Protein backbone atom coordinates (compact mmCIF):
# COMPACT_ATOMS: atom_id res chain seq x y z
CA MET A 1 37.46 68.93 -26.60
CA SER A 2 33.86 69.92 -27.29
CA ASP A 3 32.77 73.45 -28.10
CA LYS A 4 31.03 73.62 -24.72
CA GLU A 5 34.23 72.64 -22.87
CA THR A 6 36.27 75.13 -24.90
CA GLU A 7 33.77 77.89 -24.13
CA LYS A 8 33.80 77.11 -20.39
CA LYS A 9 37.60 77.12 -20.34
CA ARG A 10 37.62 80.48 -22.14
CA LEU A 11 35.11 81.90 -19.68
CA TRP A 12 37.13 80.52 -16.76
CA TRP A 13 40.16 82.49 -17.95
CA HIS A 14 38.04 85.61 -18.43
CA SER A 15 36.70 85.13 -14.89
CA ARG A 16 40.28 85.32 -13.56
CA ARG A 17 40.60 89.06 -13.20
CA GLY A 18 43.87 89.32 -11.29
CA MET A 19 42.14 91.10 -8.42
CA LEU A 20 41.65 88.75 -5.47
CA GLU A 21 38.31 90.27 -4.49
CA LEU A 22 36.91 89.50 -7.95
CA ASP A 23 38.66 86.15 -8.39
CA VAL A 24 37.16 84.70 -5.19
CA LEU A 25 33.67 85.54 -6.48
CA LEU A 26 33.91 84.84 -10.19
CA VAL A 27 36.09 81.71 -10.39
CA PRO A 28 33.94 79.59 -8.03
CA PHE A 29 30.84 80.89 -9.83
CA ILE A 30 32.10 79.76 -13.23
CA GLU A 31 33.26 76.44 -11.79
CA ASN A 32 30.16 75.57 -9.76
CA VAL A 33 27.17 77.54 -11.03
CA TYR A 34 27.56 78.67 -14.64
CA GLU A 35 26.57 75.35 -16.26
CA THR A 36 23.35 75.25 -14.22
CA LEU A 37 22.22 78.68 -15.46
CA SER A 38 19.64 79.23 -18.15
CA ALA A 39 20.92 80.35 -21.54
CA GLU A 40 19.70 83.87 -20.73
CA ASP A 41 21.62 83.98 -17.44
CA GLN A 42 24.72 82.56 -19.12
CA ALA A 43 24.49 85.45 -21.60
CA ARG A 44 24.18 87.87 -18.66
CA TYR A 45 27.33 86.40 -17.10
CA ARG A 46 29.23 86.78 -20.36
CA LYS A 47 28.03 90.40 -20.50
CA LEU A 48 29.30 90.96 -16.94
CA LEU A 49 32.74 89.73 -17.99
CA THR A 50 32.96 92.54 -20.56
CA CYS A 51 32.82 95.14 -17.78
CA GLU A 52 35.84 96.91 -16.35
CA ASP A 53 37.45 95.43 -13.25
CA ALA A 54 37.19 98.73 -11.35
CA ASP A 55 33.44 98.86 -12.01
CA MET A 56 32.96 95.24 -10.97
CA PHE A 57 34.94 95.87 -7.79
CA THR A 58 32.65 98.74 -6.75
CA TRP A 59 29.55 96.68 -7.56
CA PHE A 60 30.67 93.60 -5.67
CA MET A 61 31.81 95.71 -2.70
CA GLN A 62 28.30 97.23 -2.85
CA LYS A 63 29.57 100.78 -3.20
CA ASP A 64 27.63 101.33 -6.44
CA ARG A 65 25.07 99.59 -8.68
CA PRO A 66 25.37 98.71 -12.37
CA THR A 67 23.09 100.78 -14.60
CA ASP A 68 22.55 97.85 -16.97
CA PRO A 69 19.72 95.70 -15.55
CA ASP A 70 21.24 92.45 -16.90
CA VAL A 71 24.56 93.17 -15.22
CA ALA A 72 22.81 94.24 -11.99
CA TYR A 73 20.86 90.97 -12.01
CA MET A 74 24.07 88.95 -12.36
CA VAL A 75 25.90 90.94 -9.66
CA ASP A 76 22.98 90.30 -7.30
CA MET A 77 22.96 86.59 -8.18
CA ILE A 78 26.67 86.25 -7.41
CA LEU A 79 26.43 88.28 -4.19
CA ASN A 80 23.42 86.27 -3.02
CA ARG A 81 25.39 83.10 -3.56
CA VAL A 82 28.07 84.21 -1.10
CA GLN A 83 25.87 86.35 1.16
CA PRO A 84 22.44 84.72 1.36
CA LYS A 85 19.77 87.03 2.76
């Protein structure tokens, strides 16, 4: 298995949060979009995965906004994928 495949598998497991509301957003994103992202956006996604589940839940339910601009950018990208304007 290549390093790239190992990394994607690791990220897939980190994308599984155990909270259905997050899993239905993050797992399809890692499966279908992550590899098409720029290196900078991939780094933003990895940064998002370091956040607490409770914080991510409030961001994805649009009850609050991340203060970190990189994380906010990634939250918006994921939300726009499932809720195009």
